[in-house]
Amino acid sequence: MPRVIHFEIGADNPERAVKFYKDVFGWQIQQFPPMEYWLATTGAAPEPGIDGAIMPRESKQAVINTIGVASLTKALAAIKKAGGKVVQEKTAIPGVGYFAYCLDTEGNQFGVMEPDEKAK
């Protein structure tokens, strides 16, 4: 079955977006010369997840990616500190975990989720 294997985050200011995602999530991000394209490594195998890229914005965002975190409270604090915004506060998804919607420094919406089977 086909799976999501990559993401691209459009940014008005790619360098600012690179700093945001490095500061908030600790992603390893390197420019892919000679293009204005920064490859993002979001974790190590065999941990589930996908890698992607940050690039100059070419169109309106059509997809929202969700990022798994160990602590939603800490992630939301880091997002605010790095210049992002929380647009939907912590919400329980019963039996799954806790979720929030946020905006990065470029106005891209994304989700963050802390897994917790005891969420009510």
Protein backbone atom coordinates (compact mmCIF):
# COMPACT_ATOMS: atom_id res chain seq x y z
CA MET A 1 0.00 0.00 0.00
CA PRO A 2 1.41 3.47 -0.84
CA ARG A 3 2.65 5.52 2.15
CA VAL A 4 3.68 9.07 2.77
CA ILE A 5 7.46 9.07 2.29
CA HIS A 6 8.41 12.77 2.26
CA PHE A 7 7.04 16.17 3.14
CA GLU A 8 7.78 19.65 1.88
CA ILE A 9 7.20 22.78 3.92
CA GLY A 10 6.84 25.96 1.88
CA ALA A 11 8.31 29.05 3.49
CA ASP A 12 8.43 32.75 2.70
CA ASN A 13 11.80 32.77 4.47
CA PRO A 14 13.34 29.26 4.32
CA GLU A 15 16.29 30.12 6.59
CA ARG A 16 13.90 31.32 9.30
CA ALA A 17 11.82 28.12 8.92
CA VAL A 18 14.98 25.96 9.12
CA LYS A 19 15.89 27.67 12.40
CA PHE A 20 12.36 27.18 13.74
CA TYR A 21 12.27 23.41 13.08
CA LYS A 22 15.82 22.92 14.36
CA ASP A 23 15.08 24.88 17.56
CA VAL A 24 11.71 23.28 18.29
CA PHE A 25 12.22 19.64 17.27
CA GLY A 26 15.99 19.22 16.97
CA TRP A 27 15.76 18.19 13.31
CA GLN A 28 18.98 17.95 11.32
CA ILE A 29 18.58 20.20 8.29
CA GLN A 30 21.10 20.74 5.51
CA GLN A 31 20.82 22.72 2.29
CA PHE A 32 20.80 20.62 -0.88
CA PRO A 33 22.97 22.74 -3.20
CA PRO A 34 22.70 24.35 -5.62
CA MET A 35 18.94 24.55 -5.05
CA GLU A 36 17.01 26.55 -2.45
CA TYR A 37 16.01 23.26 -0.84
CA TRP A 38 16.86 22.16 2.69
CA LEU A 39 16.63 18.42 3.48
CA ALA A 40 15.23 17.66 6.93
CA THR A 41 16.09 14.50 8.85
CA THR A 42 13.48 14.14 11.57
CA GLY A 43 14.70 11.02 13.37
CA ALA A 44 16.69 7.81 13.17
CA ALA A 45 15.68 4.36 11.96
CA PRO A 46 13.99 2.16 13.05
CA GLU A 47 11.79 4.80 14.70
CA PRO A 48 8.66 5.37 12.58
CA GLY A 49 8.41 8.62 10.68
CA ILE A 50 9.34 10.39 7.48
CA ASP A 51 11.92 12.94 6.41
CA GLY A 52 11.27 15.90 4.18
CA ALA A 53 12.39 19.33 3.10
CA ILE A 54 11.90 23.07 3.49
CA MET A 55 11.72 25.12 0.31
CA PRO A 56 10.59 28.54 -0.92
CA ARG A 57 6.79 28.77 -0.91
CA GLU A 58 5.36 28.13 -4.35
CA SER A 59 1.67 27.65 -3.52
CA LYS A 60 -0.80 27.49 -0.65
CA GLN A 61 -0.32 24.62 1.76
CA ALA A 62 -2.51 21.62 0.98
CA VAL A 63 -1.35 19.11 3.62
CA ILE A 64 -0.96 19.29 7.38
CA ASN A 65 1.74 17.08 8.84
CA THR A 66 1.56 15.82 12.42
CA ILE A 67 4.73 15.56 14.48
CA GLY A 68 4.99 13.09 17.36
CA VAL A 69 6.46 14.47 20.60
CA ALA A 70 7.27 13.00 24.00
CA SER A 71 5.72 15.95 25.86
CA LEU A 72 3.05 18.12 24.28
CA THR A 73 3.41 20.71 27.05
CA LYS A 74 7.15 21.11 26.37
CA ALA A 75 6.61 21.14 22.59
CA LEU A 76 3.99 23.90 22.80
CA ALA A 77 6.30 25.98 24.98
CA ALA A 78 9.17 25.51 22.49
CA ILE A 79 6.89 26.41 19.56
CA LYS A 80 5.85 29.68 21.23
CA LYS A 81 9.43 30.49 22.22
CA ALA A 82 10.62 29.96 18.62
CA GLY A 83 8.01 32.34 17.21
CA GLY A 84 5.25 29.87 16.36
CA LYS A 85 1.64 30.01 17.51
CA VAL A 86 -0.75 27.51 19.03
CA VAL A 87 -4.08 27.72 17.17
CA GLN A 88 -5.82 24.82 18.94
CA GLU A 89 -4.75 24.09 22.49
CA LYS A 90 -4.08 20.62 23.89
CA THR A 91 -6.99 18.30 23.09
CA ALA A 92 -7.44 14.73 24.28
CA ILE A 93 -8.03 12.01 21.70
CA PRO A 94 -9.41 9.22 23.90
CA GLY A 95 -7.23 6.12 23.91
CA VAL A 96 -4.70 7.73 21.54
CA GLY A 97 -3.07 10.77 23.12
CA TYR A 98 -3.04 14.56 23.23
CA PHE A 99 -3.02 16.79 20.16
CA ALA A 100 -2.72 20.48 19.25
CA TYR A 101 -2.67 22.50 16.02
CA CYS A 102 0.05 25.13 15.60
CA LEU A 103 1.49 27.56 13.06
CA ASP A 104 5.19 27.83 12.28
CA THR A 105 6.97 31.13 11.58
CA GLU A 106 5.82 30.94 7.94
CA GLY A 107 2.11 30.52 8.72
CA ASN A 108 2.11 26.78 7.92
CA GLN A 109 -0.27 24.78 10.09
CA PHE A 110 0.93 21.52 11.63
CA GLY A 111 -0.12 19.19 14.38
CA VAL A 112 1.81 17.89 17.38
CA MET A 113 0.78 14.74 19.21
CA GLU A 114 1.86 13.09 22.44
CA PRO A 115 0.86 9.43 22.48
CA ASP A 116 -0.97 8.33 25.64
CA GLU A 117 -3.34 5.35 25.69
CA LYS A 118 -4.86 6.73 28.93
CA ALA A 119 -6.00 10.00 27.31
CA LYS A 120 -9.66 10.80 28.02
